[in-house]
Structure formats: C-alpha cells, structure tokens
Protein backbone atom coordinates (compact mmCIF):
# COMPACT_ATOMS: atom_id res chain seq x y z
CA MET A 1 254.50 -104.71 17.23
CA ARG A 2 253.27 -105.17 20.88
CA LYS A 3 250.72 -102.36 20.37
CA PHE A 4 249.13 -104.01 17.39
CA LYS A 5 248.96 -107.30 19.46
CA LEU A 6 246.95 -105.68 22.12
CA PHE A 7 244.50 -103.77 19.82
CA PRO A 8 242.59 -106.79 19.11
CA ILE A 9 242.12 -107.50 22.90
CA LEU A 10 240.94 -103.96 23.47
CA LEU A 11 238.46 -104.13 20.51
CA VAL A 12 236.94 -107.16 22.20
CA LEU A 13 236.77 -105.54 25.60
CA ILE A 14 235.03 -102.53 23.93
CA LEU A 15 232.52 -104.81 22.38
CA VAL A 16 231.88 -106.80 25.60
CA LEU A 17 231.33 -103.49 27.77
CA SER A 18 229.06 -102.28 24.97
CA LEU A 19 226.84 -105.06 25.42
CA VAL A 20 226.33 -104.80 29.22
CA PRO A 21 223.07 -102.80 30.15
CA VAL A 22 223.58 -99.72 31.85
CA PRO A 23 221.08 -99.08 34.81
CA LYS A 24 218.61 -96.33 34.01
CA ALA A 25 219.36 -93.40 36.63
CA HIS A 26 216.22 -91.96 37.95
CA ALA A 27 218.02 -88.49 38.81
CA ALA A 28 219.76 -86.41 36.49
CA GLU A 29 223.24 -87.26 37.86
CA GLU A 30 224.36 -89.98 39.92
CA LEU A 31 225.07 -89.18 43.52
CA VAL A 32 228.58 -89.65 44.50
CA ILE A 33 229.79 -88.95 48.13
CA ASP A 34 233.34 -88.54 49.00
CA ALA A 35 233.53 -90.20 52.58
CA THR A 36 234.05 -93.25 54.27
CA ALA A 37 230.30 -93.79 55.03
CA ALA A 38 226.96 -91.86 54.22
CA TYR A 39 223.35 -92.17 54.76
CA LEU A 40 220.53 -90.09 53.64
CA VAL A 41 216.90 -90.67 54.43
CA GLU A 42 213.46 -88.86 53.56
CA LEU A 43 211.70 -88.54 57.03
CA ASN A 44 208.18 -88.26 55.80
CA THR A 45 208.29 -91.40 53.65
CA GLY A 46 211.29 -93.33 55.27
CA ASP A 47 212.77 -93.74 51.71
CA VAL A 48 216.62 -94.27 51.60
CA LEU A 49 217.73 -91.90 49.04
CA PHE A 50 221.42 -92.62 49.39
CA ALA A 51 223.58 -95.21 51.42
CA LYS A 52 227.38 -95.86 51.39
CA ASN A 53 228.96 -98.44 53.94
CA GLU A 54 225.94 -97.50 56.25
CA HIS A 55 226.59 -100.37 58.77
CA MET A 56 230.41 -99.99 58.96
CA LYS A 57 231.62 -99.50 62.32
CA LEU A 58 233.47 -96.13 62.64
CA PHE A 59 234.69 -93.73 65.21
CA PRO A 60 231.67 -91.24 65.39
CA ALA A 61 233.63 -88.52 67.27
CA SER A 62 231.34 -85.76 68.71
CA THR A 63 228.23 -86.90 67.00
CA THR A 64 228.13 -89.00 70.07
CA LYS A 65 226.75 -85.93 71.68
CA VAL A 66 223.40 -86.24 70.09
CA LEU A 67 222.68 -89.21 72.37
CA THR A 68 224.22 -87.51 75.43
CA VAL A 69 221.81 -84.68 75.21
CA LEU A 70 218.87 -86.74 74.02
CA LEU A 71 219.38 -88.73 77.44
CA ALA A 72 219.17 -85.58 79.31
CA ILE A 73 216.16 -84.29 77.56
CA GLU A 74 214.22 -87.71 78.25
CA ALA A 75 215.29 -87.51 81.80
CA ILE A 76 213.67 -84.18 81.88
CA GLU A 77 210.67 -85.32 80.40
CA ARG A 78 210.30 -87.95 82.76
CA GLY A 79 210.50 -85.49 85.64
CA GLU A 80 213.85 -86.66 86.83
CA ALA A 81 215.45 -83.41 86.17
CA ASP A 82 214.79 -79.82 84.99
CA TYR A 83 216.24 -77.43 82.46
CA ARG A 84 216.75 -74.99 85.11
CA ASP A 85 218.64 -77.21 87.49
CA MET A 86 221.95 -75.65 88.58
CA VAL A 87 224.56 -78.50 88.23
CA THR A 88 228.07 -78.20 89.79
CA ALA A 89 231.09 -79.68 88.09
CA SER A 90 232.72 -82.36 89.93
CA ASP A 91 236.67 -83.21 89.76
CA ASN A 92 235.52 -85.85 87.22
CA CYS A 93 234.50 -83.13 84.46
CA ARG A 94 237.64 -83.57 82.57
CA PHE A 95 237.76 -87.46 83.11
CA ASP A 96 239.16 -89.09 79.76
CA LEU A 97 239.66 -85.86 78.01
CA THR A 98 242.86 -84.83 76.11
CA TRP A 99 244.64 -81.73 76.66
CA ASP A 100 243.77 -80.30 73.33
CA SER A 101 240.04 -81.56 73.21
CA SER A 102 237.18 -79.19 72.56
CA THR A 103 235.84 -77.45 75.69
CA VAL A 104 234.51 -74.23 76.94
CA GLY A 105 236.71 -74.06 80.08
CA ILE A 106 234.22 -75.44 82.79
CA SER A 107 236.11 -76.10 86.11
CA ALA A 108 235.50 -78.36 88.82
CA GLY A 109 233.15 -76.48 91.37
CA GLU A 110 231.57 -74.32 88.77
CA SER A 111 227.68 -74.28 88.46
CA MET A 112 225.82 -73.91 85.35
CA SER A 113 222.12 -74.70 84.22
CA LEU A 114 221.51 -78.02 82.73
CA GLU A 115 220.07 -76.39 79.72
CA ASN A 116 223.27 -74.35 79.35
CA LEU A 117 225.28 -77.25 79.71
CA MET A 118 223.46 -79.07 76.78
CA ILE A 119 223.72 -76.15 74.69
CA CYS A 120 227.52 -76.15 75.26
CA ALA A 121 227.67 -79.68 74.30
CA LEU A 122 225.86 -79.30 71.02
CA VAL A 123 226.85 -75.61 69.94
CA ALA A 124 230.38 -75.55 71.05
CA SER A 125 231.14 -79.33 71.29
CA ALA A 126 232.26 -78.96 74.77
CA ASN A 127 233.51 -82.14 76.04
CA GLU A 128 233.62 -81.55 79.83
CA ALA A 129 229.82 -80.47 79.57
CA CYS A 130 229.15 -84.01 78.38
CA ASN A 131 230.98 -85.35 81.46
CA ILE A 132 229.08 -83.18 83.61
CA ILE A 133 225.49 -83.92 82.05
CA GLY A 134 226.41 -87.70 82.41
CA GLU A 135 227.34 -87.54 86.00
CA TYR A 136 224.38 -85.56 86.91
CA ILE A 137 221.80 -87.79 84.96
CA GLY A 138 223.58 -91.08 85.55
CA GLY A 139 225.15 -90.68 88.86
CA THR A 140 228.43 -91.55 87.61
CA VAL A 141 230.02 -91.14 84.02
CA SER A 142 230.41 -94.85 83.64
CA SER A 143 226.67 -95.41 84.70
CA PHE A 144 225.54 -92.94 82.13
CA VAL A 145 227.69 -94.64 79.61
CA ASP A 146 225.78 -97.63 80.21
CA LEU A 147 222.54 -95.82 79.88
CA MET A 148 223.66 -94.64 76.33
CA ASN A 149 224.42 -98.18 75.22
CA ALA A 150 221.15 -99.23 76.47
CA ARG A 151 219.16 -96.49 74.84
CA ALA A 152 221.04 -97.15 71.59
CA ALA A 153 220.12 -100.64 71.55
CA GLU A 154 216.35 -99.89 72.26
CA LEU A 155 216.49 -97.47 69.07
CA GLY A 156 217.76 -100.50 67.05
CA CYS A 157 221.55 -99.72 66.93
CA ARG A 158 223.37 -103.01 66.07
CA ASN A 159 226.69 -101.55 65.10
CA THR A 160 227.17 -99.31 67.91
CA HIS A 161 228.96 -99.18 71.50
CA PHE A 162 229.89 -96.20 73.41
CA ALA A 163 232.71 -95.67 75.80
CA ASN A 164 232.37 -92.05 76.94
CA THR A 165 230.04 -89.34 76.59
CA HIS A 166 231.84 -87.27 74.38
CA GLY A 167 233.06 -89.26 71.29
CA LEU A 168 236.91 -88.93 71.85
CA PRO A 169 238.79 -91.91 70.21
CA ASN A 170 238.45 -95.22 71.88
CA GLU A 171 238.72 -98.75 70.34
CA ASP A 172 235.68 -99.61 72.30
CA HIS A 173 233.68 -96.44 71.13
CA TYR A 174 232.07 -96.75 67.67
CA SER A 175 228.97 -96.33 65.63
CA SER A 176 227.65 -96.48 61.99
CA ALA A 177 225.84 -94.03 59.77
CA TYR A 178 222.80 -95.84 59.92
CA ASP A 179 222.88 -96.13 63.70
CA LEU A 180 223.59 -92.55 64.05
CA HIS A 181 220.49 -91.77 61.85
CA LEU A 182 218.43 -93.65 64.29
CA ILE A 183 219.72 -91.79 67.25
CA ALA A 184 219.10 -88.49 65.51
CA LYS A 185 215.89 -89.37 64.22
CA GLU A 186 214.84 -89.79 67.81
CA ALA A 187 216.50 -86.85 69.00
CA ILE A 188 214.86 -84.34 66.34
CA LYS A 189 211.46 -85.26 67.75
CA HIS A 190 212.14 -83.11 70.53
CA GLU A 191 211.52 -79.37 69.82
CA LYS A 192 213.96 -78.50 72.45
CA PHE A 193 216.72 -80.43 70.82
CA MET A 194 216.32 -78.66 67.62
CA GLN A 195 216.19 -75.28 69.31
CA MET A 196 219.56 -75.85 71.16
CA CYS A 197 221.46 -77.40 68.19
CA ASN A 198 220.43 -74.72 65.78
CA TYR A 199 222.03 -71.78 67.83
CA VAL A 200 224.65 -70.08 65.58
CA GLU A 201 225.93 -68.07 68.36
CA TYR A 202 224.85 -68.10 72.16
CA THR A 203 225.84 -66.20 75.41
CA VAL A 204 226.20 -68.39 78.32
CA PRO A 205 225.27 -66.51 81.47
CA ALA A 206 228.14 -65.71 83.99
CA THR A 207 228.55 -68.33 86.74
CA ASN A 208 230.10 -68.47 90.19
CA MET A 209 233.38 -69.09 88.52
CA SER A 210 233.27 -67.27 85.15
CA ASP A 211 232.14 -64.16 83.09
CA GLU A 212 229.71 -64.89 80.22
CA ARG A 213 230.84 -67.07 77.57
CA HIS A 214 230.08 -66.31 74.13
CA ILE A 215 230.16 -69.52 72.12
CA LYS A 216 229.76 -70.10 68.36
CA THR A 217 228.57 -73.14 66.38
CA THR A 218 230.92 -75.69 64.97
CA ASN A 219 228.24 -76.41 62.46
CA GLU A 220 229.22 -74.22 59.37
CA LEU A 221 226.30 -75.61 57.39
CA ILE A 222 224.09 -73.47 59.46
CA ASP A 223 226.01 -70.36 59.86
CA PRO A 224 225.08 -67.71 57.35
CA ALA A 225 228.82 -66.28 57.54
CA SER A 226 230.23 -69.41 56.24
CA ASN A 227 231.04 -70.51 52.66
CA TYR A 228 229.38 -73.67 53.58
CA TYR A 229 226.08 -72.13 54.69
CA ASN A 230 222.85 -73.84 53.35
CA SER A 231 219.63 -72.28 53.96
CA SER A 232 217.67 -75.51 54.11
CA ALA A 233 219.76 -77.07 56.80
CA SER A 234 219.12 -77.23 60.52
CA GLY A 235 221.52 -78.93 63.06
CA ILE A 236 222.50 -81.21 64.21
CA LYS A 237 225.89 -82.00 65.22
CA THR A 238 229.56 -81.96 63.90
CA GLY A 239 232.45 -84.23 64.96
CA SER A 240 236.15 -84.54 64.13
CA THR A 241 239.11 -86.19 65.34
CA ASP A 242 242.28 -87.65 63.70
CA ALA A 243 240.85 -91.09 64.05
CA ALA A 244 237.31 -90.43 62.84
CA GLY A 245 237.96 -87.84 60.31
CA PHE A 246 235.20 -85.10 59.64
CA CYS A 247 231.62 -86.05 60.69
CA LEU A 248 228.38 -84.41 60.41
CA VAL A 249 224.72 -85.45 61.18
CA SER A 250 222.25 -83.02 59.71
CA SER A 251 218.89 -82.49 58.44
CA ALA A 252 217.30 -80.09 56.04
CA GLU A 253 213.74 -79.36 54.71
CA LYS A 254 212.56 -77.54 51.54
CA ASN A 255 209.30 -78.04 49.30
CA GLU A 256 207.79 -80.45 51.91
CA ILE A 257 210.91 -82.67 51.62
CA LYS A 258 212.47 -83.57 54.98
CA LEU A 259 215.93 -85.03 54.99
CA LEU A 260 218.21 -86.58 57.57
CA SER A 261 221.93 -86.98 56.59
CA VAL A 262 224.89 -88.72 58.28
CA ILE A 263 228.62 -88.43 56.89
CA LEU A 264 231.34 -90.25 58.53
CA GLY A 265 234.97 -90.13 57.86
CA ALA A 266 235.16 -87.16 55.32
CA LYS A 267 238.48 -85.41 54.64
CA ALA A 268 239.80 -81.87 54.96
CA VAL A 269 241.16 -81.21 51.45
CA PRO A 270 243.87 -78.54 50.99
CA THR A 271 242.90 -75.64 48.87
CA GLY A 272 246.13 -73.57 48.77
CA SER A 273 247.46 -70.90 50.96
CA GLY A 274 247.11 -73.06 54.25
CA ALA A 275 243.19 -73.41 53.51
CA TYR A 276 241.12 -76.38 53.64
CA ARG A 277 237.87 -77.59 52.42
CA ILE A 278 236.08 -79.83 55.04
CA ASP A 279 234.07 -82.34 53.05
CA SER A 280 231.65 -83.19 55.94
CA PHE A 281 229.95 -79.65 55.06
CA THR A 282 230.44 -79.87 51.37
CA GLU A 283 229.37 -83.47 50.76
CA THR A 284 226.22 -83.10 53.06
CA GLY A 285 225.20 -79.69 51.21
CA TYR A 286 225.89 -81.74 47.83
CA MET A 287 223.39 -84.32 49.18
CA PHE A 288 220.79 -81.92 49.99
CA ARG A 289 220.99 -80.08 46.76
CA TRP A 290 220.95 -83.25 44.83
CA VAL A 291 217.65 -84.26 46.44
CA PHE A 292 216.08 -80.83 46.16
CA ALA A 293 216.97 -80.78 42.50
CA ASN A 294 216.04 -84.22 41.39
CA TYR A 295 213.04 -85.18 43.66
CA SER A 296 209.82 -83.72 44.23
CA TRP A 297 206.31 -84.68 45.58
CA ARG A 298 204.30 -85.85 42.68
CA GLU A 299 200.68 -87.02 42.42
CA ILE A 300 200.55 -90.59 41.68
CA LEU A 301 196.82 -91.05 41.75
CA SER A 302 194.50 -88.21 40.92
CA ALA A 303 190.90 -87.79 42.68
CA THR A 304 189.62 -86.53 39.31
CA GLU A 305 191.00 -89.68 37.32
CA LEU A 306 187.95 -91.77 35.72
CA VAL A 307 189.06 -95.30 36.69
CA ALA A 308 186.33 -97.35 35.20
CA GLU A 309 182.64 -97.50 33.97
CA LEU A 310 180.49 -99.96 35.56
CA PRO A 311 177.09 -101.38 34.25
CA VAL A 312 174.09 -100.38 36.39
CA ALA A 313 170.82 -102.12 36.27
CA LEU A 314 167.48 -100.48 36.68
CA GLY A 315 168.76 -96.97 36.28
CA GLU A 316 166.50 -94.20 34.99
CA GLY A 317 167.98 -92.70 31.71
CA MET A 318 171.45 -94.29 32.80
CA ASP A 319 172.70 -97.76 32.40
CA SER A 320 176.20 -97.14 33.74
CA VAL A 321 178.38 -95.00 36.39
CA ILE A 322 181.77 -93.97 36.42
CA VAL A 323 184.02 -94.34 39.35
CA HIS A 324 186.97 -92.25 40.66
CA PRO A 325 189.19 -92.27 43.56
CA GLU A 326 187.92 -90.35 46.80
CA SER A 327 191.25 -88.87 47.34
CA SER A 328 194.60 -88.28 45.64
CA LEU A 329 197.91 -90.04 46.38
CA ARG A 330 201.46 -88.31 46.30
CA ASP A 331 204.82 -89.93 46.48
CA LEU A 332 208.32 -88.27 46.81
CA ILE A 333 209.88 -89.56 43.63
CA PRO A 334 212.58 -88.66 40.95
CA ASN A 335 211.42 -85.90 38.61
CA ASP A 336 212.14 -88.10 35.45
CA LEU A 337 210.12 -91.18 36.79
CA ASP A 338 207.40 -92.15 34.43
CA ILE A 339 204.61 -92.53 36.89
CA ASN A 340 202.17 -94.50 34.25
CA LYS A 341 204.82 -96.94 33.52
CA GLU A 342 206.50 -97.45 36.90
CA TYR A 343 203.25 -97.46 39.40
CA LYS A 344 201.10 -100.56 38.82
CA ALA A 345 197.37 -100.30 39.66
CA ASP A 346 195.30 -102.92 41.27
CA ILE A 347 191.55 -102.13 40.72
CA HIS A 348 189.05 -104.00 42.79
CA ILE A 349 185.23 -103.44 41.97
CA TYR A 350 183.14 -105.04 44.62
CA CYS A 351 180.36 -106.08 42.42
CA GLN A 352 182.60 -108.11 40.32
CA ASP A 353 183.55 -110.48 43.30
CA GLU A 354 182.50 -114.00 42.71
CA GLY A 355 178.95 -114.34 43.89
CA ALA A 356 178.43 -110.71 44.33
CA GLU A 357 175.14 -109.06 43.38
CA PRO A 358 175.05 -107.03 40.15
CA LEU A 359 175.32 -103.24 40.75
CA THR A 360 171.60 -101.96 40.55
CA ALA A 361 170.22 -98.40 41.02
CA PRO A 362 169.74 -96.30 42.87
CA ILE A 363 173.31 -95.25 43.50
CA SER A 364 174.49 -92.11 45.33
CA MET A 365 177.20 -89.71 44.19
CA GLY A 366 180.26 -90.65 46.47
CA GLU A 367 179.09 -94.06 47.16
CA GLU A 368 181.90 -96.54 47.66
CA LEU A 369 182.09 -99.14 44.81
CA GLY A 370 185.43 -100.42 44.90
CA GLU A 371 189.11 -99.56 45.87
CA ILE A 372 192.46 -99.13 44.14
CA THR A 373 195.90 -99.85 45.09
CA LEU A 374 199.17 -98.81 43.61
CA THR A 375 202.71 -100.38 44.00
CA TYR A 376 206.07 -99.50 43.05
CA LYS A 377 209.29 -101.34 43.79
CA GLY A 378 207.46 -103.50 46.30
CA GLU A 379 205.97 -100.48 48.10
CA THR A 380 202.11 -100.35 48.12
CA PHE A 381 200.21 -97.04 48.16
CA GLY A 382 196.30 -97.13 49.29
CA PRO A 383 194.22 -98.56 49.29
CA VAL A 384 191.88 -95.69 48.06
CA LYS A 385 188.25 -95.95 47.79
CA LEU A 386 186.61 -95.83 44.36
CA VAL A 387 183.47 -93.75 44.58
CA ALA A 388 180.54 -92.95 42.13
CA ASN A 389 181.01 -89.83 40.43
CA THR A 390 177.20 -89.02 39.98
CA ASP A 391 173.71 -90.25 41.14
CA VAL A 392 171.95 -92.96 39.43
CA PRO A 393 168.19 -92.91 40.33
CA LEU A 394 165.83 -95.85 40.08
CA SER A 395 163.56 -96.45 37.34
CA LYS A 396 160.23 -97.39 38.80
CA ILE A 397 159.12 -98.92 35.37
CA GLU A 398 162.40 -100.90 35.06
CA TYR A 399 162.07 -101.72 38.82
CA MET A 400 158.41 -103.33 38.25
CA LYS A 401 159.36 -105.00 35.39
CA SER A 402 162.35 -106.51 37.27
CA ARG A 403 160.06 -107.59 40.09
CA ILE A 404 157.75 -109.10 37.75
CA ARG A 405 160.49 -110.99 35.83
CA ASN A 406 162.12 -112.06 39.46
CA THR A 407 158.60 -113.26 40.69
CA PHE A 408 158.29 -115.48 37.59
CA LYS A 409 161.52 -116.89 38.18
CA LYS A 410 160.53 -118.27 41.42
CA PRO A 411 160.09 -122.09 41.48
CA TRP A 412 157.09 -122.45 43.61
CA LEU A 413 155.22 -119.78 41.30
CA LYS A 414 156.17 -121.70 38.24
CA TRP A 415 154.61 -124.93 39.57
CA THR A 416 151.69 -123.19 40.77
CA ILE A 417 151.04 -121.68 37.22
CA ILE A 418 151.60 -125.14 35.82
CA GLY A 419 149.14 -126.53 37.91
CA ILE A 420 146.61 -123.86 37.18
CA LEU A 421 147.08 -124.41 33.36
CA PHE A 422 146.70 -128.24 34.12
CA VAL A 423 143.61 -127.81 35.89
CA PHE A 424 142.35 -125.26 33.37
CA LEU A 425 143.18 -127.72 30.42
CA LEU A 426 141.30 -130.35 32.28
CA TYR A 427 138.36 -128.00 32.64
CA ILE A 428 138.40 -127.32 29.01
CA ALA A 429 138.84 -130.92 28.08
CA PHE A 430 135.88 -131.76 30.50
CA ILE A 431 133.52 -128.94 28.82
CA ILE A 432 134.47 -130.33 25.55
CA ARG A 433 133.79 -133.84 26.24
CA TYR A 434 130.40 -132.51 27.93
CA ASN A 435 129.48 -130.82 24.89
CA ILE A 436 130.33 -133.61 22.60
CA LEU A 437 128.32 -136.18 24.76
CA LYS A 438 125.53 -133.63 24.98
CA TYR A 439 125.50 -133.06 21.20
CA ARG A 440 125.45 -137.05 20.85
CA HIS A 441 122.50 -137.30 23.11
CA LYS A 442 120.62 -134.77 21.27
CA LYS A 443 121.07 -136.56 18.06
CA LYS A 444 119.88 -139.81 19.60
CA LEU A 445 116.77 -138.28 21.15
CA GLN A 446 116.08 -136.45 17.72
CA ALA A 447 116.33 -139.74 15.72
CA ARG A 448 113.99 -141.49 18.35
CA ARG A 449 111.34 -138.78 17.65
CA GLU A 450 111.74 -139.22 13.87
CA ALA A 451 111.39 -142.77 14.12
CA SER A 452 107.99 -142.51 16.38
CA GLU A 453 106.72 -140.11 14.03
CA ARG A 454 107.27 -142.58 11.21
CA GLU A 455 105.65 -145.40 13.06
CA ARG A 456 102.46 -143.27 13.71
CA ARG A 457 101.91 -142.49 10.05
C-alpha cells in the first residue's frame, strides 16, 4: 500500500520537472570536469569556455614553479641576470624540502647554469632547483618569495599567497585556478619559457659535482610515448601532492584556437593491476578535444553582405547605391549557434542622422557611408565601415535642374522677383492707363473738329 501512496507524489514531481525549461546547450555535449577546480580560456578572444570553482583557494603544488621561472626570465630580460650565469647551490638549496620531494639531486657547492636550473624546475619539477633560482635572483629564498607574492598581485591574483618557491604543502601557500591562469598567461608570452617547458627529454651537461643528467618531463600530455599524449597540447607545468591532488596547467592550439587550461585537485583513479588513471591529464585532454570538436572560428559578418540600399540624388542613370561592410568579422563560437538569430546588428547610416544632408552624387566605390556593429551576449563586435559597392556619377542635367530649383528657393531672390513683377505690373498698368487717356484725348479732339466743321457750314 505504501508504494501506491507514493505514486501520486512521484507523478506530481515528474509533471513539475517537465515544466522546468531546460537551457539550450550550444555545444553537442555538456562539459563536465572531474576535478576540484578548473578553468579554460581561449587566448585570442579571452572567452571563458569553462569554469568550476575557479576562485577557490587550493594547494597549487608544483604549478607554483611557473611563477618561479617567470620571475627569473623577467630578471634576465631586465639585464639583472643571464641564462648563461653559473649559479652555485648554497647549503639552503634543500631548505623546506621533504625527503621524498621531487629533485634532480643537486648538492650544495654544485654549479649549474641558470637556464639549466630553470629547465630542471619545469621539466623534472626539481624543488631544489627552485630554491637555488630564488636565492640567486632574490638574494635569499624568503626575499624571492616576497617577490613572487608582489608579482602575483601585479598580475591580478586575488586568491593567491606563496610561502615557498616550489609548491610543497604549506597552509599559507595557496592559489586558485583563475589566478594560476593569470600567471601562466603572462609566462607563455615569453618564447624562452615555452621552449623550456616543452622539452620532453633533456640532457643537463655535467657539472663540477655530477655527470650528465638525463631528465624527462613530468607532463605526459606532451609525451608522444604516453597514453595521455595530446598532439595539440604544449607545456606548461604539472603538480601533485597528497594535499593538492593532481594539478596541471596546460595550453593547446588547433585550427587557430588557442587554449589555456588549469586543473586543480584531480584524482588518481585505480584501473586495476596496480595501475592508475591520472585525471589531471585525462580531464585536460578532454577539455581540449571538447572545444576543438564543438567550437570554431566562424564569419559573423561578411564583406560581401549587402546591408542596405540608399537613395541617391542627382545620380546619372542611378537613383540608389548599395552599401556593404568594408571587412569581415569572425568570432569563436559553438558550431550549432544560429548566427542570424543570436547576433544583433546595429546599422548607422550617416545621411539618416538628424540634420544630415541627403545622399547626393557623385559617390565613389568604397566611400564610407555608415557603419555596422554586432552584439552577442553583451559583447560588441565592430564597428565596421559600410561602404558603397559602386560609383554613382553626377548627372549634369539633374545637377543644373537642382541648382535652378535651389536658387529659386532663396528668399532674397523670391522677393526680388516679386518686386520686379510688381514694377512690371505697375508699368503695364501705367501703359494701359496712358493709352486709355490718349484714346479719350483723341476722341475729344475729334469731337471738337467735327463741331467746328458744322459751325462753318
């Protein structure tokens, strides 16, 4: 009986849910990412394509090293250091490191070029290399950490604070997916940074205390030998600790689409036989494939589009001209988006402005006659000039007619003509009156002559 009592309630719930509008998805499938936080942005447009807990403060693990290397590159570009500088590790090189943390085995007293230290930090995720870099650039590790926090603030990071150079767990060391994207976006502007973080394998030359070191990237997304390999991906930095989970800052480019992604707090999922699936790689690869499959650069305004036909005065054989955009506009949008419905056009024709003169020949092909602006979800595209698609020559006959008409519209001429007509009419009236009086005078003279003749008889 209890089941039957619940049935009407379930029926009502189904009915209510059926009335709730389902938002239209612009892509073929909804993007769902299995990680604590994620952020995905297209770099050409700045469009945010996915965000999940992007401002949550989380442990960044070794993604911290992006800023460590960035500060070293910026110091080099300011002339304060050089890639070829030989840097000797001090006794502090293993400061704040745990026994099992990631290193390449650099010891106190060992000398290595600054460039190779940066490569060790980015490729092999060497923690001691970060301390050595920090001490060399900042004077002390703590001073360098202060520089890190100051630079992060300059880049707009609001949920970030660093306590070390490498990213090992510390309650006072945190960042967010959004803030790490800001740091990475600045770092990838430097060609040298991208070169270093994209080494799959690298041989560090022998030093005063070590033979050659052969290091391999921790970033399996860019390793062709890995099951996670993604041919469109490049860089940037992995990170993993028990506290942070698995993290990855990466970029990708395909079909003119440039992506920057951040994954924080992903898991290692058992797959059997002691193997694990690292979701920082799988989820990042999934985000990239999702965008490349569902988004593309599409023409939202064509230069060949005929926007409006405008009336033209005094044209020879033509009384109108068609305008079209001077150039095309493109935008990165979902493949299934209806451009004609979603993008709203605002057309501004100059001759239609209040108080503007009518459009009059001659008009040259390509002459600017207006502008068009498109809007989509509050974003503005344009304006783009609207130009004439052909020449409209001036008709001399129509021009003379127009001049005559315009001349007769002038007030002074109107009153002059009226005055002349008035004088002319007065003159006519005077002539008529003169002729009447003359006629009457002749009649009187003739009557007198006739009277005289009768008297003489």
